[in-house]
Protein backbone atom coordinates (compact mmCIF):
# COMPACT_ATOMS: atom_id res chain seq x y z
CA UNK A 1 -51.42 -16.24 25.71
CA UNK A 2 -48.81 -17.50 28.36
CA UNK A 3 -45.37 -16.15 28.48
CA UNK A 4 -42.86 -18.56 27.45
CA UNK A 5 -39.58 -19.70 28.79
CA UNK A 6 -36.69 -18.74 26.73
CA UNK A 7 -34.09 -20.94 27.94
CA UNK A 8 -33.04 -23.03 31.12
CA UNK A 9 -30.66 -20.88 31.98
CA UNK A 10 -32.98 -18.21 32.94
CA UNK A 11 -35.15 -20.27 35.25
CA UNK A 12 -33.21 -18.91 38.09
CA UNK A 13 -34.41 -15.36 36.88
CA UNK A 14 -38.10 -16.35 36.57
CA UNK A 15 -38.44 -17.88 39.60
CA UNK A 16 -36.81 -14.93 41.70
CA UNK A 17 -39.03 -12.42 39.58
CA UNK A 18 -41.93 -13.98 40.65
CA UNK A 19 -41.33 -14.75 44.03
CA UNK A 20 -40.10 -11.27 44.91
CA UNK A 21 -43.50 -9.90 43.47
CA UNK A 22 -45.11 -12.64 45.70
CA UNK A 23 -43.49 -11.42 48.75
CA UNK A 24 -44.12 -7.83 48.21
CA UNK A 25 -47.89 -8.18 47.25
CA UNK A 26 -48.13 -10.70 50.40
CA UNK A 27 -50.31 -13.29 48.74
CA UNK A 28 -50.13 -16.62 47.57
CA UNK A 29 -48.30 -18.00 44.22
CA UNK A 30 -51.29 -16.70 42.03
CA UNK A 31 -51.13 -12.97 43.57
CA UNK A 32 -54.95 -12.55 42.20
CA UNK A 33 -58.51 -13.20 43.60
CA UNK A 34 -61.77 -14.04 42.29
CA UNK A 35 -61.07 -16.22 39.57
CA UNK A 36 -62.70 -19.09 38.88
CA UNK A 37 -64.97 -18.62 41.94
CA UNK A 38 -62.30 -17.37 44.34
CA UNK A 39 -59.10 -18.17 46.12
CA UNK A 40 -59.39 -20.46 49.62
CA UNK A 41 -57.68 -18.96 52.65
CA UNK A 42 -54.03 -19.87 53.32
CA UNK A 43 -55.30 -21.34 56.38
CA UNK A 44 -58.03 -23.74 54.95
CA UNK A 45 -55.19 -25.12 52.34
CA UNK A 46 -52.97 -25.55 55.23
CA UNK A 47 -55.11 -27.60 57.15
CA UNK A 48 -56.09 -29.69 53.88
CA UNK A 49 -52.69 -30.67 54.04
CA UNK A 50 -52.49 -31.93 57.50
CA UNK A 51 -51.08 -28.83 59.35
CA UNK A 52 -52.93 -28.65 62.84
CA UNK A 53 -54.59 -25.79 64.49
CA UNK A 54 -51.81 -25.77 67.33
CA UNK A 55 -49.24 -25.57 64.62
CA UNK A 56 -50.82 -22.31 62.93
CA UNK A 57 -51.77 -20.69 65.90
CA UNK A 58 -48.29 -19.35 67.41
CA UNK A 59 -47.44 -18.25 63.39
CA UNK A 60 -46.72 -14.91 62.55
CA UNK A 61 -49.48 -13.31 60.72
CA UNK A 62 -48.26 -13.38 57.37
CA UNK A 63 -45.63 -16.37 57.48
CA UNK A 64 -48.32 -18.54 55.91
CA UNK A 65 -48.75 -17.49 52.28
CA UNK A 66 -50.16 -20.35 50.70
CA UNK A 67 -47.51 -21.86 48.89
CA UNK A 68 -47.33 -25.80 50.12
CA UNK A 69 -48.32 -28.67 48.28
CA UNK A 70 -47.44 -30.97 51.23
CA UNK A 71 -46.55 -30.93 55.17
CA UNK A 72 -42.53 -31.95 55.29
CA UNK A 73 -42.56 -30.96 58.88
CA UNK A 74 -44.99 -34.15 59.76
CA UNK A 75 -43.08 -36.33 57.43
CA UNK A 76 -39.76 -35.53 59.53
CA UNK A 77 -40.98 -36.23 62.70
CA UNK A 78 -39.15 -33.62 64.21
CA UNK A 79 -37.60 -34.01 67.65
CA UNK A 80 -36.52 -31.35 70.35
CA UNK A 81 -32.74 -30.43 70.19
CA UNK A 82 -32.31 -31.06 66.26
CA UNK A 83 -30.97 -28.80 63.55
CA UNK A 84 -33.52 -28.19 60.86
CA UNK A 85 -32.96 -26.87 57.48
CA UNK A 86 -35.76 -25.54 55.40
CA UNK A 87 -34.85 -25.14 51.40
CA UNK A 88 -36.70 -22.00 49.96
CA UNK A 89 -38.05 -20.82 52.89
CA UNK A 90 -40.14 -18.03 51.63
CA UNK A 91 -41.99 -16.08 54.69
CA UNK A 92 -40.93 -18.86 57.12
CA UNK A 93 -44.05 -20.88 57.39
CA UNK A 94 -42.51 -24.51 57.97
CA UNK A 95 -39.28 -22.86 59.50
CA UNK A 96 -41.51 -21.54 62.30
CA UNK A 97 -43.32 -24.84 62.78
CA UNK A 98 -40.19 -26.59 62.89
CA UNK A 99 -38.64 -24.11 65.26
CA UNK A 100 -41.35 -25.31 67.89
CA UNK A 101 -40.95 -28.98 67.34
CA UNK A 102 -37.30 -28.74 67.84
CA UNK A 103 -37.51 -26.68 70.94
CA UNK A 104 -35.20 -24.51 73.03
CA UNK A 105 -32.24 -26.70 72.44
CA UNK A 106 -32.89 -26.94 68.79
CA UNK A 107 -32.40 -24.71 65.86
CA UNK A 108 -34.56 -24.31 62.74
CA UNK A 109 -32.83 -22.38 59.57
CA UNK A 110 -34.58 -21.20 56.59
CA UNK A 111 -32.57 -20.60 53.07
CA UNK A 112 -34.19 -18.56 50.25
CA UNK A 113 -32.56 -16.67 47.37
CA UNK A 114 -35.06 -14.10 47.41
CA UNK A 115 -34.36 -10.66 49.24
CA UNK A 116 -38.02 -9.96 49.81
CA UNK A 117 -39.16 -13.28 51.11
CA UNK A 118 -35.74 -12.99 53.64
CA UNK A 119 -36.95 -9.48 54.55
CA UNK A 120 -40.47 -10.71 55.39
CA UNK A 121 -39.46 -13.71 57.01
CA UNK A 122 -36.82 -12.02 59.16
CA UNK A 123 -39.60 -9.16 60.58
CA UNK A 124 -41.68 -12.40 61.12
CA UNK A 125 -39.02 -13.47 64.14
CA UNK A 126 -39.92 -10.87 66.59
CA UNK A 127 -43.72 -11.74 66.30
CA UNK A 128 -42.97 -15.56 66.66
CA UNK A 129 -40.63 -15.04 69.52
CA UNK A 130 -43.19 -12.94 71.55
CA UNK A 131 -45.78 -15.98 71.01
CA UNK A 132 -43.49 -18.78 71.88
CA UNK A 133 -40.57 -17.50 74.10
CA UNK A 134 -38.32 -19.03 71.41
CA UNK A 135 -35.38 -17.40 69.90
CA UNK A 136 -33.74 -20.85 67.63
CA UNK A 137 -34.69 -19.36 64.26
CA UNK A 138 -32.33 -17.90 61.44
CA UNK A 139 -32.86 -17.25 57.80
CA UNK A 140 -30.03 -16.98 55.28
CA UNK A 141 -29.53 -15.58 51.90
CA UNK A 142 -28.54 -18.57 49.37
CA UNK A 143 -29.55 -20.71 46.28
CA UNK A 144 -30.83 -24.34 47.23
CA UNK A 145 -27.97 -25.54 44.79
CA UNK A 146 -25.39 -24.10 46.74
CA UNK A 147 -26.46 -23.99 50.67
CA UNK A 148 -24.44 -21.68 52.82
CA UNK A 149 -24.36 -24.47 55.06
CA UNK A 150 -21.21 -26.46 56.63
CA UNK A 151 -21.09 -30.38 55.91
CA UNK A 152 -22.46 -32.42 57.99
CA UNK A 153 -23.87 -30.05 60.35
CA UNK A 154 -27.80 -30.44 59.92
CA UNK A 155 -30.01 -33.31 61.84
CA UNK A 156 -32.90 -32.44 59.05
CA UNK A 157 -33.55 -30.84 55.84
CA UNK A 158 -37.24 -30.04 54.86
CA UNK A 159 -38.66 -28.49 51.44
CA UNK A 160 -42.12 -27.53 50.66
CA UNK A 161 -42.64 -27.34 46.72
CA UNK A 162 -39.50 -26.02 45.98
CA UNK A 163 -37.03 -28.43 44.60
CA UNK A 164 -39.27 -28.64 41.59
CA UNK A 165 -38.24 -24.85 40.61
CA UNK A 166 -34.79 -25.56 40.46
CA UNK A 167 -33.21 -26.35 36.96
CA UNK A 168 -30.43 -28.14 38.39
CA UNK A 169 -32.22 -30.74 40.84
CA UNK A 170 -29.36 -33.55 40.99
CA UNK A 171 -27.18 -30.93 42.52
CA UNK A 172 -30.07 -29.89 44.96
CA UNK A 173 -29.70 -33.40 46.07
CA UNK A 174 -26.08 -33.71 46.31
CA UNK A 175 -26.26 -30.49 48.38
CA UNK A 176 -28.62 -32.10 50.83
CA UNK A 177 -26.53 -35.15 51.07
CA UNK A 178 -23.37 -32.96 51.98
CA UNK A 179 -25.09 -31.08 54.81
CA UNK A 180 -26.80 -33.60 56.54
CA UNK A 181 -24.84 -35.38 59.38
CA UNK A 182 -24.40 -39.01 59.10
CA UNK A 183 -27.46 -40.69 59.97
CA UNK A 184 -29.31 -37.47 59.52
CA UNK A 185 -32.70 -37.35 57.24
CA UNK A 186 -34.63 -35.13 54.70
CA UNK A 187 -38.40 -34.99 54.18
CA UNK A 188 -39.33 -33.10 51.05
CA UNK A 189 -42.84 -32.34 49.67
CA UNK A 190 -42.69 -31.48 45.98
CA UNK A 191 -44.55 -32.03 43.04
CA UNK A 192 -43.93 -35.06 40.56
CA UNK A 193 -44.77 -36.12 37.33
CA UNK A 194 -46.14 -39.71 36.47
CA UNK A 195 -46.15 -39.02 32.71
CA UNK A 196 -44.63 -36.24 30.68
CA UNK A 197 -46.49 -33.12 30.78
CA UNK A 198 -47.72 -31.16 27.03
CA UNK A 199 -44.95 -29.14 25.66
CA UNK A 200 -47.18 -25.62 25.76
CA UNK A 201 -47.00 -26.20 29.67
CA UNK A 202 -43.35 -27.59 30.09
CA UNK A 203 -42.49 -24.08 28.20
CA UNK A 204 -45.05 -21.91 30.23
CA UNK A 205 -43.56 -19.48 32.80
CA UNK A 206 -47.11 -19.55 34.66
CA UNK A 207 -46.79 -23.25 34.89
CA UNK A 208 -42.91 -23.00 36.29
CA UNK A 209 -44.25 -20.53 38.90
CA UNK A 210 -47.00 -22.86 39.75
CA UNK A 211 -44.27 -25.68 40.69
CA UNK A 212 -45.99 -27.60 37.50
CA UNK A 213 -43.55 -27.54 34.35
CA UNK A 214 -40.39 -27.87 36.50
CA UNK A 215 -41.49 -31.11 38.11
CA UNK A 216 -39.41 -34.23 36.93
CA UNK A 217 -40.91 -37.88 36.32
CA UNK A 218 -40.55 -40.06 39.80
CA UNK A 219 -38.38 -42.15 38.47
CA UNK A 220 -35.70 -39.47 37.48
CA UNK A 221 -36.31 -38.61 41.41
CA UNK A 222 -35.44 -41.71 42.65
CA UNK A 223 -32.22 -41.87 40.24
CA UNK A 224 -30.91 -38.37 41.45
CA UNK A 225 -31.46 -39.16 45.16
CA UNK A 226 -29.55 -42.81 44.74
CA UNK A 227 -26.84 -40.74 42.88
CA UNK A 228 -26.37 -38.24 45.82
CA UNK A 229 -25.82 -41.05 47.83
CA UNK A 230 -28.64 -41.56 49.77
CA UNK A 231 -29.58 -45.94 50.50
CA UNK A 232 -32.76 -45.47 52.42
CA UNK A 233 -35.70 -43.90 50.19
CA UNK A 234 -39.27 -43.79 50.88
CA UNK A 235 -41.91 -41.98 48.52
CA UNK A 236 -45.49 -41.17 49.64
CA UNK A 237 -47.80 -40.75 46.59
CA UNK A 238 -50.49 -38.25 47.21
CA UNK A 239 -52.35 -37.73 44.04
CA UNK A 240 -55.63 -37.41 45.51
CA UNK A 241 -54.21 -33.67 46.76
CA UNK A 242 -54.13 -32.62 43.05
CA UNK A 243 -57.50 -32.94 42.73
CA UNK A 244 -58.09 -31.10 45.77
CA UNK A 245 -55.66 -28.57 44.16
CA UNK A 246 -58.10 -28.07 41.43
CA UNK A 247 -60.99 -27.39 43.43
CA UNK A 248 -59.00 -24.48 45.71
CA UNK A 249 -59.53 -22.05 42.82
CA UNK A 250 -56.28 -20.96 42.61
CA UNK A 251 -55.98 -18.59 39.34
CA UNK A 252 -52.59 -19.75 38.75
CA UNK A 253 -54.14 -23.24 38.52
CA UNK A 254 -56.93 -22.04 36.50
CA UNK A 255 -54.54 -21.02 33.83
CA UNK A 256 -52.63 -23.97 33.90
CA UNK A 257 -55.52 -26.44 33.81
CA UNK A 258 -56.82 -24.20 30.49
CA UNK A 259 -53.52 -25.44 28.69
CA UNK A 260 -54.37 -28.85 29.31
CA UNK A 261 -55.59 -30.91 26.33
CA UNK A 262 -59.50 -31.00 25.86
CA UNK A 263 -60.96 -33.29 28.91
CA UNK A 264 -57.53 -33.82 30.52
CA UNK A 265 -57.19 -33.52 34.28
CA UNK A 266 -53.97 -31.92 35.67
CA UNK A 267 -53.97 -35.24 38.36
CA UNK A 268 -53.39 -37.10 35.11
CA UNK A 269 -49.94 -36.06 34.78
CA UNK A 270 -48.61 -34.70 38.05
CA UNK A 271 -48.99 -35.70 41.75
CA UNK A 272 -47.90 -34.48 45.31
CA UNK A 273 -45.05 -36.79 46.73
CA UNK A 274 -43.82 -36.66 50.01
CA UNK A 275 -40.06 -38.02 49.94
CA UNK A 276 -37.89 -39.17 53.18
CA UNK A 277 -34.17 -40.12 52.64
CA UNK A 278 -31.78 -41.01 55.09
CA UNK A 279 -28.13 -40.31 54.90
CA UNK A 280 -26.17 -43.59 55.80
CA UNK A 281 -23.49 -43.48 58.22
CA UNK A 282 -21.28 -44.50 55.55
CA UNK A 283 -21.44 -45.07 51.79
CA UNK A 284 -22.17 -48.43 50.71
CA UNK A 285 -18.75 -50.07 50.08
CA UNK A 286 -16.60 -47.39 51.00
CA UNK A 287 -15.42 -45.73 54.51
CA UNK A 288 -17.13 -42.65 55.41
CA UNK A 289 -15.19 -39.63 55.47
CA UNK A 290 -14.85 -39.25 59.18
CA UNK A 291 -13.37 -42.97 59.97
CA UNK A 292 -10.89 -42.40 56.81
CA UNK A 293 -9.62 -39.27 58.85
CA UNK A 294 -9.25 -41.14 62.13
CA UNK A 295 -7.41 -43.56 60.07
CA UNK A 296 -5.21 -41.18 58.62
CA UNK A 297 -4.39 -39.47 62.02
CA UNK A 298 -3.15 -43.03 63.45
CA UNK A 299 -1.53 -43.92 60.22
CA UNK A 300 0.82 -40.51 60.41
CA UNK A 301 1.44 -41.20 64.15
CA UNK A 302 2.86 -44.86 63.36
CA UNK A 303 4.62 -43.11 60.05
CA UNK A 304 6.20 -40.52 62.19
CA UNK A 305 4.78 -38.21 59.06
CA UNK A 306 4.57 -34.70 60.75
CA UNK A 307 2.96 -33.05 57.61
CA UNK A 308 0.58 -35.93 57.30
CA UNK A 309 -0.52 -35.44 60.87
CA UNK A 310 -1.00 -31.74 60.40
CA UNK A 311 -2.82 -32.19 57.33
CA UNK A 312 -5.44 -34.85 58.61
CA UNK A 313 -5.88 -33.14 61.96
CA UNK A 314 -7.03 -29.88 60.03
CA UNK A 315 -9.50 -32.01 57.90
CA UNK A 316 -10.60 -33.79 60.95
CA UNK A 317 -11.37 -30.65 62.55
CA UNK A 318 -13.00 -29.16 59.44
CA UNK A 319 -15.36 -31.85 59.46
CA UNK A 320 -16.44 -31.75 62.82
CA UNK A 321 -14.64 -34.70 64.47
CA UNK A 322 -14.22 -34.46 68.17
CA UNK A 323 -11.03 -33.93 70.11
CA UNK A 324 -11.67 -36.94 71.89
CA UNK A 325 -12.29 -38.94 68.78
CA UNK A 326 -9.12 -37.34 67.39
CA UNK A 327 -7.11 -38.14 70.78
CA UNK A 328 -8.57 -42.04 70.69
CA UNK A 329 -7.14 -42.14 66.87
CA UNK A 330 -3.56 -40.81 68.44
CA UNK A 331 -3.09 -43.36 71.15
CA UNK A 332 -4.00 -46.18 68.48
CA UNK A 333 -1.46 -44.85 66.34
CA UNK A 334 1.20 -44.71 69.20
CA UNK A 335 0.36 -48.32 70.49
CA UNK A 336 1.00 -49.65 66.70
CA UNK A 337 4.15 -47.75 66.58
CA UNK A 338 5.13 -48.68 69.97
CA UNK A 339 4.29 -52.36 69.14
CA UNK A 340 5.81 -52.09 65.66
CA UNK A 341 9.21 -50.98 66.98
CA UNK A 342 9.55 -53.77 69.64
CA UNK A 343 8.53 -56.40 67.47
CA UNK A 344 11.16 -55.04 65.23
CA UNK A 345 13.81 -54.74 67.75
CA UNK A 346 13.05 -58.60 68.70
CA UNK A 347 13.12 -59.97 65.22
CA UNK A 348 16.93 -58.32 64.82
CA UNK A 349 17.73 -59.33 68.47
CA UNK A 350 16.78 -63.18 67.47
CA UNK A 351 18.67 -62.94 64.00
CA UNK A 352 21.84 -61.35 65.11
CA UNK A 353 22.14 -61.92 68.92
CA UNK A 354 22.66 -59.01 71.49
CA UNK A 355 25.51 -56.63 71.05
CA UNK A 356 24.05 -54.92 68.30
CA UNK A 357 25.86 -51.48 67.53
CA UNK A 358 23.97 -48.54 69.14
CA UNK A 359 23.59 -46.61 65.76
CA UNK A 360 21.17 -49.47 64.92
CA UNK A 361 18.46 -48.05 67.10
CA UNK A 362 15.72 -46.39 65.85
CA UNK A 363 15.61 -44.17 68.93
CA UNK A 364 18.89 -44.09 70.99
CA UNK A 365 17.72 -41.51 73.42
CA UNK A 366 14.80 -44.21 74.41
CA UNK A 367 16.86 -47.65 74.21
CA UNK A 368 14.92 -50.84 74.78
CA UNK A 369 16.21 -53.45 77.24
CA UNK A 370 18.23 -55.90 75.21
CA UNK A 371 18.40 -53.85 72.10
CA UNK A 372 22.27 -53.58 72.26
CA UNK A 373 21.90 -49.70 72.67
CA UNK A 374 21.77 -49.65 76.09
CA UNK A 375 25.45 -50.89 76.24
CA UNK A 376 25.03 -54.27 77.18
């Protein structure tokens, strides 16, 4: 009988323990062989998912651990010079493939919460650099619900069969939104439910580690994505891939299939999903954070508010606004300030005539012609 999940709070621990063992054993997620007729090689699985021979050729020898359920790098249509972040990067499979696509001027970053996976991935960097001449890869320790990456710093987020492992998926999507630059995109390959799973599978640790019991309904995924702030969403349902997975003779999936009601197929419940989203340049109906800070900088100049200017200047630099944009906002504020002062002086002169007492002037050290401060 398969082990049951005791409570939701323990899901991270189950996943951490299982994938630590996978990293050490240097196998796919099943970890065993010769069950249900044997296990397909990781290379053949990758080929089934659309990875090309050229993409696999320069990979470090043990980066491909057979943990994929899609091809997010293909979905992402990566371009040279982009910064890419892979959630749950494991041995670095998709990170290394992405690194070649973004090239010398780009960067490919992997985040994983498993020390053993990080150790494996970091050891693979040397071989990757030797084979490609690239030194644009980094691996960080962290949870995908709390990414160790700055706001608005990433062009593309990718992930391959990992989001389903999180007990807090809505928070993951919020983090993806946070780290993406305005206009940035995410390409996520994951498993999703077409209808609820039987209770015995939902409660199964084996099904959790196999990326099945942690999956949620497609409609729930759409809701979480929209609630995070994304407005542009595309879902690519690849249900035929699940039928192929059942033929791969992976011991883990053999175990899960045995839990199904008699006569049922795994593909009746679950599908492989390609998820593509784009972070809008600004939220619908509201100004984006960059625009808000630039307006606040200009307004603080116009209002002569030094504490306001200091605060908003700090915020602007924190979120990555360039000095040229900040200077432009300052120039607008100064222009409005001069215009408002001149307009007020003109209004007072028209109302009271010249000969206005010097004490009236806002800036006696810079008297306006005809203001009354110049002694005329």
